[in-house]
PDB file of N, CA and C in Angstrom:
ATOM      1  N   MET A   1      18.211  -4.468   8.009  1.00  0.00           N
ATOM      2  CA  MET A   1      17.754  -3.303   7.289  1.00  0.00           C
ATOM      3  C   MET A   1      17.180  -2.319   8.316  1.00  0.00           C
ATOM      4  N   SER A   2      17.476  -1.054   8.145  1.00  0.00           N
ATOM      5  CA  SER A   2      17.012  -0.030   9.085  1.00  0.00           C
ATOM      6  C   SER A   2      15.509   0.191   8.955  1.00  0.00           C
ATOM      7  N   LYS A   3      14.936   0.894   9.921  1.00  0.00           N
ATOM      8  CA  LYS A   3      13.503   1.166   9.913  1.00  0.00           C
ATOM      9  C   LYS A   3      13.107   1.976   8.693  1.00  0.00           C
ATOM     10  N   ARG A   4      13.826   3.029   8.405  1.00  0.00           N
ATOM     11  CA  ARG A   4      13.491   3.892   7.267  1.00  0.00           C
ATOM     12  C   ARG A   4      13.604   3.124   5.947  1.00  0.00           C
ATOM     13  N   ALA A   5      14.654   2.328   5.792  1.00  0.00           N
ATOM     14  CA  ALA A   5      14.811   1.530   4.568  1.00  0.00           C
ATOM     15  C   ALA A   5      13.681   0.512   4.451  1.00  0.00           C
ATOM     16  N   THR A   6      13.310  -0.108   5.554  1.00  0.00           N
ATOM     17  CA  THR A   6      12.199  -1.058   5.550  1.00  0.00           C
ATOM     18  C   THR A   6      10.903  -0.364   5.161  1.00  0.00           C
ATOM     19  N   ASP A   7      10.660   0.826   5.711  1.00  0.00           N
ATOM     20  CA  ASP A   7       9.455   1.590   5.381  1.00  0.00           C
ATOM     21  C   ASP A   7       9.380   1.883   3.885  1.00  0.00           C
ATOM     22  N   ILE A   8      10.475   2.310   3.302  1.00  0.00           N
ATOM     23  CA  ILE A   8      10.504   2.688   1.895  1.00  0.00           C
ATOM     24  C   ILE A   8      10.366   1.466   0.987  1.00  0.00           C
ATOM     25  N   VAL A   9      11.092   0.402   1.284  1.00  0.00           N
ATOM     26  CA  VAL A   9      11.060  -0.805   0.450  1.00  0.00           C
ATOM     27  C   VAL A   9       9.671  -1.438   0.466  1.00  0.00           C
ATOM     28  N   ALA A  10       8.959  -1.319   1.578  1.00  0.00           N
ATOM     29  CA  ALA A  10       7.623  -1.912   1.684  1.00  0.00           C
ATOM     30  C   ALA A  10       6.660  -1.365   0.641  1.00  0.00           C
ATOM     31  N   TYR A  11       6.839  -0.138   0.207  1.00  0.00           N
ATOM     32  CA  TYR A  11       5.933   0.478  -0.757  1.00  0.00           C
ATOM     33  C   TYR A  11       6.300   0.203  -2.217  1.00  0.00           C
ATOM     34  N   LEU A  12       7.454  -0.378  -2.476  1.00  0.00           N
ATOM     35  CA  LEU A  12       7.923  -0.477  -3.856  1.00  0.00           C
ATOM     36  C   LEU A  12       7.135  -1.461  -4.717  1.00  0.00           C
ATOM     37  N   SER A  13       6.764  -2.608  -4.185  1.00  0.00           N
ATOM     38  CA  SER A  13       6.005  -3.602  -4.945  1.00  0.00           C
ATOM     39  C   SER A  13       5.648  -4.756  -4.004  1.00  0.00           C
ATOM     40  N   TRP A  14       4.914  -5.743  -4.537  1.00  0.00           N
ATOM     41  CA  TRP A  14       4.642  -6.936  -3.722  1.00  0.00           C
ATOM     42  C   TRP A  14       5.945  -7.594  -3.269  1.00  0.00           C
ATOM     43  N   PRO A  15       6.914  -7.826  -4.177  1.00  0.00           N
ATOM     44  CA  PRO A  15       8.180  -8.403  -3.707  1.00  0.00           C
ATOM     45  C   PRO A  15       8.906  -7.503  -2.702  1.00  0.00           C
ATOM     46  N   GLY A  16       8.813  -6.193  -2.891  1.00  0.00           N
ATOM     47  CA  GLY A  16       9.423  -5.272  -1.931  1.00  0.00           C
ATOM     48  C   GLY A  16       8.774  -5.385  -0.568  1.00  0.00           C
ATOM     49  N   LEU A  17       7.466  -5.521  -0.547  1.00  0.00           N
ATOM     50  CA  LEU A  17       6.751  -5.707   0.712  1.00  0.00           C
ATOM     51  C   LEU A  17       7.185  -7.002   1.383  1.00  0.00           C
ATOM     52  N   LEU A  18       7.332  -8.061   0.601  1.00  0.00           N
ATOM     53  CA  LEU A  18       7.766  -9.350   1.147  1.00  0.00           C
ATOM     54  C   LEU A  18       9.180  -9.265   1.700  1.00  0.00           C
ATOM     55  N   VAL A  19      10.075  -8.618   0.968  1.00  0.00           N
ATOM     56  CA  VAL A  19      11.459  -8.451   1.441  1.00  0.00           C
ATOM     57  C   VAL A  19      11.481  -7.623   2.719  1.00  0.00           C
ATOM     58  N   ALA A  20      10.727  -6.538   2.744  1.00  0.00           N
ATOM     59  CA  ALA A  20      10.684  -5.685   3.935  1.00  0.00           C
ATOM     60  C   ALA A  20      10.140  -6.457   5.133  1.00  0.00           C
ATOM     61  N   PHE A  21       9.148  -7.301   4.898  1.00  0.00           N
ATOM     62  CA  PHE A  21       8.554  -8.070   5.992  1.00  0.00           C
ATOM     63  C   PHE A  21       9.506  -9.143   6.507  1.00  0.00           C
ATOM     64  N   LEU A  22      10.215  -9.816   5.607  1.00  0.00           N
ATOM     65  CA  LEU A  22      11.076 -10.926   6.015  1.00  0.00           C
ATOM     66  C   LEU A  22      12.440 -10.482   6.532  1.00  0.00           C
ATOM     67  N   ILE A  23      13.027  -9.463   5.925  1.00  0.00           N
ATOM     68  CA  ILE A  23      14.396  -9.070   6.260  1.00  0.00           C
ATOM     69  C   ILE A  23      14.457  -7.811   7.109  1.00  0.00           C
ATOM     70  N   GLY A  24      13.481  -6.936   6.948  1.00  0.00           N
ATOM     71  CA  GLY A  24      13.538  -5.617   7.581  1.00  0.00           C
ATOM     72  C   GLY A  24      13.172  -5.611   9.057  1.00  0.00           C
ATOM     73  N   ASP A  25      13.112  -4.405   9.579  1.00  0.00           N
ATOM     74  CA  ASP A  25      12.772  -4.153  10.981  1.00  0.00           C
ATOM     75  C   ASP A  25      11.254  -4.220  11.142  1.00  0.00           C
ATOM     76  N   ARG A  26      10.735  -5.441  11.378  1.00  0.00           N
ATOM     77  CA  ARG A  26       9.285  -5.639  11.459  1.00  0.00           C
ATOM     78  C   ARG A  26       8.644  -4.878  12.603  1.00  0.00           C
ATOM     79  N   ALA A  27       9.282  -4.869  13.734  1.00  0.00           N
ATOM     80  CA  ALA A  27       8.695  -4.216  14.912  1.00  0.00           C
ATOM     81  C   ALA A  27       8.614  -2.702  14.719  1.00  0.00           C
ATOM     82  N   GLY A  28       9.667  -2.106  14.236  1.00  0.00           N
ATOM     83  CA  GLY A  28       9.696  -0.663  14.056  1.00  0.00           C
ATOM     84  C   GLY A  28       8.887  -0.182  12.869  1.00  0.00           C
ATOM     85  N   SER A  29       8.763  -1.021  11.853  1.00  0.00           N
ATOM     86  CA  SER A  29       8.093  -0.619  10.618  1.00  0.00           C
ATOM     87  C   SER A  29       6.698  -1.202  10.475  1.00  0.00           C
ATOM     88  N   ARG A  30       6.143  -1.669  11.550  1.00  0.00           N
ATOM     89  CA  ARG A  30       4.828  -2.317  11.491  1.00  0.00           C
ATOM     90  C   ARG A  30       3.771  -1.415  10.853  1.00  0.00           C
ATOM     91  N   PHE A  31       3.779  -0.134  11.172  1.00  0.00           N
ATOM     92  CA  PHE A  31       2.791   0.798  10.637  1.00  0.00           C
ATOM     93  C   PHE A  31       2.857   0.855   9.112  1.00  0.00           C
ATOM     94  N   HIS A  32       4.042   1.092   8.555  1.00  0.00           N
ATOM     95  CA  HIS A  32       4.173   1.231   7.106  1.00  0.00           C
ATOM     96  C   HIS A  32       4.030  -0.115   6.393  1.00  0.00           C
ATOM     97  N   LEU A  33       4.420  -1.195   7.033  1.00  0.00           N
ATOM     98  CA  LEU A  33       4.173  -2.516   6.453  1.00  0.00           C
ATOM     99  C   LEU A  33       2.677  -2.749   6.308  1.00  0.00           C
ATOM    100  N   ASN A  34       1.905  -2.379   7.332  1.00  0.00           N
ATOM    101  CA  ASN A  34       0.459  -2.538   7.278  1.00  0.00           C
ATOM    102  C   ASN A  34      -0.156  -1.647   6.206  1.00  0.00           C
ATOM    103  N   GLN A  35       0.249  -0.380   6.161  1.00  0.00           N
ATOM    104  CA  GLN A  35      -0.294   0.546   5.164  1.00  0.00           C
ATOM    105  C   GLN A  35      -0.021   0.031   3.748  1.00  0.00           C
ATOM    106  N   SER A  36       1.192  -0.410   3.507  1.00  0.00           N
ATOM    107  CA  SER A  36       1.560  -0.916   2.194  1.00  0.00           C
ATOM    108  C   SER A  36       0.769  -2.174   1.843  1.00  0.00           C
ATOM    109  N   LEU A  37       0.635  -3.082   2.795  1.00  0.00           N
ATOM    110  CA  LEU A  37      -0.118  -4.306   2.563  1.00  0.00           C
ATOM    111  C   LEU A  37      -1.569  -4.004   2.206  1.00  0.00           C
ATOM    112  N   VAL A  38      -2.188  -3.096   2.928  1.00  0.00           N
ATOM    113  CA  VAL A  38      -3.587  -2.738   2.662  1.00  0.00           C
ATOM    114  C   VAL A  38      -3.725  -2.098   1.280  1.00  0.00           C
ATOM    115  N   ILE A  39      -2.813  -1.224   0.910  1.00  0.00           N
ATOM    116  CA  ILE A  39      -2.877  -0.578  -0.401  1.00  0.00           C
ATOM    117  C   ILE A  39      -2.698  -1.603  -1.520  1.00  0.00           C
ATOM    118  N   TRP A  40      -1.695  -2.470  -1.414  1.00  0.00           N
ATOM    119  CA  TRP A  40      -1.459  -3.468  -2.458  1.00  0.00           C
ATOM    120  C   TRP A  40      -2.614  -4.458  -2.552  1.00  0.00           C
ATOM    121  N   LEU A  41      -3.185  -4.858  -1.417  1.00  0.00           N
ATOM    122  CA  LEU A  41      -4.350  -5.749  -1.449  1.00  0.00           C
ATOM    123  C   LEU A  41      -5.549  -5.068  -2.094  1.00  0.00           C
ATOM    124  N   ALA A  42      -5.773  -3.809  -1.774  1.00  0.00           N
ATOM    125  CA  ALA A  42      -6.895  -3.068  -2.358  1.00  0.00           C
ATOM    126  C   ALA A  42      -6.732  -2.948  -3.872  1.00  0.00           C
ATOM    127  N   ILE A  43      -5.536  -2.667  -4.345  1.00  0.00           N
ATOM    128  CA  ILE A  43      -5.294  -2.580  -5.791  1.00  0.00           C
ATOM    129  C   ILE A  43      -5.543  -3.921  -6.457  1.00  0.00           C
ATOM    130  N   THR A  44      -5.052  -4.994  -5.859  1.00  0.00           N
ATOM    131  CA  THR A  44      -5.227  -6.326  -6.425  1.00  0.00           C
ATOM    132  C   THR A  44      -6.696  -6.729  -6.447  1.00  0.00           C
ATOM    133  N   LEU A  45      -7.397  -6.536  -5.337  1.00  0.00           N
ATOM    134  CA  LEU A  45      -8.808  -6.907  -5.269  1.00  0.00           C
ATOM    135  C   LEU A  45      -9.657  -6.056  -6.218  1.00  0.00           C
ATOM    136  N   LEU A  46      -9.337  -4.788  -6.339  1.00  0.00           N
ATOM    137  CA  LEU A  46     -10.061  -3.923  -7.268  1.00  0.00           C
ATOM    138  C   LEU A  46      -9.867  -4.401  -8.702  1.00  0.00           C
ATOM    139  N   SER A  47      -8.667  -4.770  -9.057  1.00  0.00           N
ATOM    140  CA  SER A  47      -8.390  -5.253 -10.409  1.00  0.00           C
ATOM    141  C   SER A  47      -9.137  -6.541 -10.704  1.00  0.00           C
ATOM    142  N   ILE A  48      -9.172  -7.437  -9.746  1.00  0.00           N
ATOM    143  CA  ILE A  48      -9.874  -8.713  -9.932  1.00  0.00           C
ATOM    144  C   ILE A  48     -11.387  -8.496  -9.992  1.00  0.00           C
ATOM    145  N   ALA A  49     -11.921  -7.678  -9.091  1.00  0.00           N
ATOM    146  CA  ALA A  49     -13.368  -7.487  -8.996  1.00  0.00           C
ATOM    147  C   ALA A  49     -13.947  -6.761 -10.205  1.00  0.00           C
ATOM    148  N   THR A  50     -13.208  -5.854 -10.782  1.00  0.00           N
ATOM    149  CA  THR A  50     -13.758  -5.053 -11.886  1.00  0.00           C
ATOM    150  C   THR A  50     -13.389  -5.586 -13.264  1.00  0.00           C
ATOM    151  N   ARG A  51     -12.653  -6.648 -13.314  1.00  0.00           N
ATOM    152  CA  ARG A  51     -12.186  -7.175 -14.599  1.00  0.00           C
ATOM    153  C   ARG A  51     -13.338  -7.654 -15.484  1.00  0.00           C
ATOM    154  N   TRP A  52     -14.378  -8.205 -14.917  1.00  0.00           N
ATOM    155  CA  TRP A  52     -15.445  -8.831 -15.703  1.00  0.00           C
ATOM    156  C   TRP A  52     -16.634  -7.902 -15.960  1.00  0.00           C
ATOM    157  N   MET A  53     -16.589  -6.673 -15.492  1.00  0.00           N
ATOM    158  CA  MET A  53     -17.691  -5.739 -15.712  1.00  0.00           C
ATOM    159  C   MET A  53     -17.331  -4.808 -16.870  1.00  0.00           C
ATOM    160  N   PRO A  54     -18.069  -4.874 -17.976  1.00  0.00           N
ATOM    161  CA  PRO A  54     -17.648  -4.127 -19.167  1.00  0.00           C
ATOM    162  C   PRO A  54     -17.452  -2.627 -18.991  1.00  0.00           C
ATOM    163  N   LEU A  55     -18.480  -1.838 -18.822  1.00  0.00           N
ATOM    164  CA  LEU A  55     -18.305  -0.385 -18.819  1.00  0.00           C
ATOM    165  C   LEU A  55     -18.166   0.176 -17.415  1.00  0.00           C
ATOM    166  N   ILE A  56     -19.069  -0.171 -16.539  1.00  0.00           N
ATOM    167  CA  ILE A  56     -19.026   0.330 -15.163  1.00  0.00           C
ATOM    168  C   ILE A  56     -17.746  -0.134 -14.471  1.00  0.00           C
ATOM    169  N   GLY A  57     -17.352  -1.360 -14.713  1.00  0.00           N
ATOM    170  CA  GLY A  57     -16.135  -1.897 -14.108  1.00  0.00           C
ATOM    171  C   GLY A  57     -14.900  -1.127 -14.509  1.00  0.00           C
ATOM    172  N   TRP A  58     -14.840  -0.734 -15.769  1.00  0.00           N
ATOM    173  CA  TRP A  58     -13.682   0.024 -16.245  1.00  0.00           C
ATOM    174  C   TRP A  58     -13.617   1.395 -15.581  1.00  0.00           C
ATOM    175  N   ILE A  59     -14.772   2.029 -15.468  1.00  0.00           N
ATOM    176  CA  ILE A  59     -14.813   3.356 -14.835  1.00  0.00           C
ATOM    177  C   ILE A  59     -14.428   3.252 -13.364  1.00  0.00           C
ATOM    178  N   VAL A  60     -14.991   2.258 -12.682  1.00  0.00           N
ATOM    179  CA  VAL A  60     -14.669   2.055 -11.267  1.00  0.00           C
ATOM    180  C   VAL A  60     -13.191   1.715 -11.101  1.00  0.00           C
ATOM    181  N   GLN A  61     -12.672   0.883 -11.990  1.00  0.00           N
ATOM    182  CA  GLN A  61     -11.264   0.505 -11.893  1.00  0.00           C
ATOM    183  C   GLN A  61     -10.343   1.700 -12.107  1.00  0.00           C
ATOM    184  N   ILE A  62     -10.637   2.521 -13.077  1.00  0.00           N
ATOM    185  CA  ILE A  62      -9.803   3.699 -13.337  1.00  0.00           C
ATOM    186  C   ILE A  62      -9.845   4.656 -12.149  1.00  0.00           C
ATOM    187  N   ALA A  63     -11.057   4.952 -11.661  1.00  0.00           N
ATOM    188  CA  ALA A  63     -11.186   5.864 -10.515  1.00  0.00           C
ATOM    189  C   ALA A  63     -10.534   5.272  -9.278  1.00  0.00           C
ATOM    190  N   GLY A  64     -10.759   3.982  -9.034  1.00  0.00           N
ATOM    191  CA  GLY A  64     -10.168   3.325  -7.867  1.00  0.00           C
ATOM    192  C   GLY A  64      -8.659   3.271  -7.939  1.00  0.00           C
ATOM    193  N   CYS A  65      -8.134   2.964  -9.111  1.00  0.00           N
ATOM    194  CA  CYS A  65      -6.675   2.908  -9.254  1.00  0.00           C
ATOM    195  C   CYS A  65      -6.043   4.287  -9.103  1.00  0.00           C
ATOM    196  N   LEU A  66      -6.701   5.316  -9.599  1.00  0.00           N
ATOM    197  CA  LEU A  66      -6.180   6.673  -9.393  1.00  0.00           C
ATOM    198  C   LEU A  66      -6.161   7.026  -7.908  1.00  0.00           C
ATOM    199  N   PHE A  67      -7.242   6.697  -7.203  1.00  0.00           N
ATOM    200  CA  PHE A  67      -7.305   6.965  -5.769  1.00  0.00           C
ATOM    201  C   PHE A  67      -6.245   6.165  -5.012  1.00  0.00           C
ATOM    202  N   LEU A  68      -6.113   4.872  -5.328  1.00  0.00           N
ATOM    203  CA  LEU A  68      -5.140   4.038  -4.620  1.00  0.00           C
ATOM    204  C   LEU A  68      -3.704   4.415  -4.978  1.00  0.00           C
ATOM    205  N   THR A  69      -3.482   4.905  -6.191  1.00  0.00           N
ATOM    206  CA  THR A  69      -2.157   5.399  -6.555  1.00  0.00           C
ATOM    207  C   THR A  69      -1.818   6.647  -5.735  1.00  0.00           C
ATOM    208  N   ALA A  70      -2.803   7.510  -5.541  1.00  0.00           N
ATOM    209  CA  ALA A  70      -2.593   8.693  -4.695  1.00  0.00           C
ATOM    210  C   ALA A  70      -2.303   8.263  -3.255  1.00  0.00           C
ATOM    211  N   CYS A  71      -3.030   7.255  -2.759  1.00  0.00           N
ATOM    212  CA  CYS A  71      -2.775   6.736  -1.401  1.00  0.00           C
ATOM    213  C   CYS A  71      -1.369   6.154  -1.306  1.00  0.00           C
ATOM    214  N   TRP A  72      -0.964   5.414  -2.344  1.00  0.00           N
ATOM    215  CA  TRP A  72       0.378   4.837  -2.358  1.00  0.00           C
ATOM    216  C   TRP A  72       1.423   5.949  -2.316  1.00  0.00           C
ATOM    217  N   PHE A  73       1.216   6.989  -3.116  1.00  0.00           N
ATOM    218  CA  PHE A  73       2.160   8.107  -3.178  1.00  0.00           C
ATOM    219  C   PHE A  73       2.250   8.807  -1.821  1.00  0.00           C
ATOM    220  N   ILE A  74       1.112   9.037  -1.177  1.00  0.00           N
ATOM    221  CA  ILE A  74       1.092   9.662   0.152  1.00  0.00           C
ATOM    222  C   ILE A  74       1.849   8.802   1.155  1.00  0.00           C
ATOM    223  N   GLY A  75       1.575   7.489   1.144  1.00  0.00           N
ATOM    224  CA  GLY A  75       2.273   6.579   2.056  1.00  0.00           C
ATOM    225  C   GLY A  75       3.764   6.528   1.801  1.00  0.00           C
ATOM    226  N   PHE A  76       4.142   6.519   0.530  1.00  0.00           N
ATOM    227  CA  PHE A  76       5.557   6.482   0.157  1.00  0.00           C
ATOM    228  C   PHE A  76       6.278   7.743   0.624  1.00  0.00           C
ATOM    229  N   ILE A  77       5.667   8.902   0.419  1.00  0.00           N
ATOM    230  CA  ILE A  77       6.264  10.165   0.874  1.00  0.00           C
ATOM    231  C   ILE A  77       6.358  10.178   2.398  1.00  0.00           C
ATOM    232  N   ASN A  78       5.326   9.691   3.081  1.00  0.00           N
ATOM    233  CA  ASN A  78       5.370   9.614   4.548  1.00  0.00           C
ATOM    234  C   ASN A  78       6.487   8.696   5.018  1.00  0.00           C
ATOM    235  N   ALA A  79       6.700   7.586   4.307  1.00  0.00           N
ATOM    236  CA  ALA A  79       7.785   6.669   4.675  1.00  0.00           C
ATOM    237  C   ALA A  79       9.149   7.330   4.481  1.00  0.00           C
ATOM    238  N   ILE A  80       9.309   8.080   3.411  1.00  0.00           N
ATOM    239  CA  ILE A  80      10.574   8.776   3.153  1.00  0.00           C
ATOM    240  C   ILE A  80      10.837   9.807   4.250  1.00  0.00           C
ATOM    241  N   GLN A  81       9.780  10.519   4.665  1.00  0.00           N
ATOM    242  CA  GLN A  81       9.927  11.552   5.686  1.00  0.00           C
ATOM    243  C   GLN A  81       9.969  10.980   7.101  1.00  0.00           C
ATOM    244  N   GLY A  82       9.646   9.708   7.267  1.00  0.00           N
ATOM    245  CA  GLY A  82       9.651   9.090   8.584  1.00  0.00           C
ATOM    246  C   GLY A  82       8.416   9.405   9.412  1.00  0.00           C
ATOM    247  N   VAL A  83       7.318   9.754   8.744  1.00  0.00           N
ATOM    248  CA  VAL A  83       6.067  10.122   9.419  1.00  0.00           C
ATOM    249  C   VAL A  83       5.116   8.933   9.394  1.00  0.00           C
ATOM    250  N   GLU A  84       4.441   8.669  10.501  1.00  0.00           N
ATOM    251  CA  GLU A  84       3.446   7.595  10.560  1.00  0.00           C
ATOM    252  C   GLU A  84       2.051   8.211  10.531  1.00  0.00           C
ATOM    253  N   LYS A  85       1.576   8.493   9.339  1.00  0.00           N
ATOM    254  CA  LYS A  85       0.283   9.132   9.136  1.00  0.00           C
ATOM    255  C   LYS A  85      -0.535   8.248   8.198  1.00  0.00           C
ATOM    256  N   GLU A  86      -1.768   7.927   8.602  1.00  0.00           N
ATOM    257  CA  GLU A  86      -2.610   7.039   7.805  1.00  0.00           C
ATOM    258  C   GLU A  86      -2.993   7.671   6.473  1.00  0.00           C
ATOM    259  N   VAL A  87      -3.052   6.832   5.450  1.00  0.00           N
ATOM    260  CA  VAL A  87      -3.530   7.293   4.145  1.00  0.00           C
ATOM    261  C   VAL A  87      -5.057   7.345   4.196  1.00  0.00           C
ATOM    262  N   PRO A  88      -5.685   8.133   3.318  1.00  0.00           N
ATOM    263  CA  PRO A  88      -7.150   8.270   3.356  1.00  0.00           C
ATOM    264  C   PRO A  88      -7.873   6.941   3.116  1.00  0.00           C
ATOM    265  N   LEU A  89      -8.954   6.730   3.799  1.00  0.00           N
ATOM    266  CA  LEU A  89      -9.872   5.593   3.712  1.00  0.00           C
ATOM    267  C   LEU A  89      -9.236   4.235   3.979  1.00  0.00           C
ATOM    268  N   VAL A  90      -8.328   3.775   3.145  1.00  0.00           N
ATOM    269  CA  VAL A  90      -7.785   2.428   3.307  1.00  0.00           C
ATOM    270  C   VAL A  90      -6.806   2.327   4.471  1.00  0.00           C
ATOM    271  N   GLY A  91      -6.290   3.442   4.947  1.00  0.00           N
ATOM    272  CA  GLY A  91      -5.363   3.437   6.069  1.00  0.00           C
ATOM    273  C   GLY A  91      -5.991   3.038   7.386  1.00  0.00           C
ATOM    274  N   GLN A  92      -7.318   3.014   7.432  1.00  0.00           N
ATOM    275  CA  GLN A  92      -8.019   2.659   8.671  1.00  0.00           C
ATOM    276  C   GLN A  92      -7.991   1.165   8.946  1.00  0.00           C
ATOM    277  N   PHE A  93      -7.702   0.365   7.943  1.00  0.00           N
ATOM    278  CA  PHE A  93      -7.688  -1.086   8.091  1.00  0.00           C
ATOM    279  C   PHE A  93      -6.334  -1.531   8.613  1.00  0.00           C
ATOM    280  N   HIS A  94      -6.367  -2.417   9.603  1.00  0.00           N
ATOM    281  CA  HIS A  94      -5.128  -2.926  10.205  1.00  0.00           C
ATOM    282  C   HIS A  94      -5.103  -4.436  10.079  1.00  0.00           C
ATOM    283  N   LEU A  95      -4.175  -4.936   9.287  1.00  0.00           N
ATOM    284  CA  LEU A  95      -4.052  -6.381   9.066  1.00  0.00           C
ATOM    285  C   LEU A  95      -2.864  -6.977   9.822  1.00  0.00           C
ATOM    286  N   LEU A  96      -1.890  -6.159  10.126  1.00  0.00           N
ATOM    287  CA  LEU A  96      -0.696  -6.642  10.851  1.00  0.00           C
ATOM    288  C   LEU A  96      -0.716  -6.127  12.272  1.00  0.00           C
TER     289      LEU A  96
END
């Protein structure tokens, strides 16, 4: 899989991230693989952490999911354009 295809597939979903990591160009797409992984982990952890909090948790979850959706959209557009630009706040974390 080419670098651009790997970058784009990484943002599609958890399975897309796994496919991009296992089959795609890992060396060339390391930046977008990391960005996607951080965004998906943040969404998952936010959903788990706020699930048990009645009112405040719902507000935090809605605001957090809107922010992380915007980050995902920015990362996805950057992957389509072939630009390696960090998404706001969560893009600073490097796991890969």
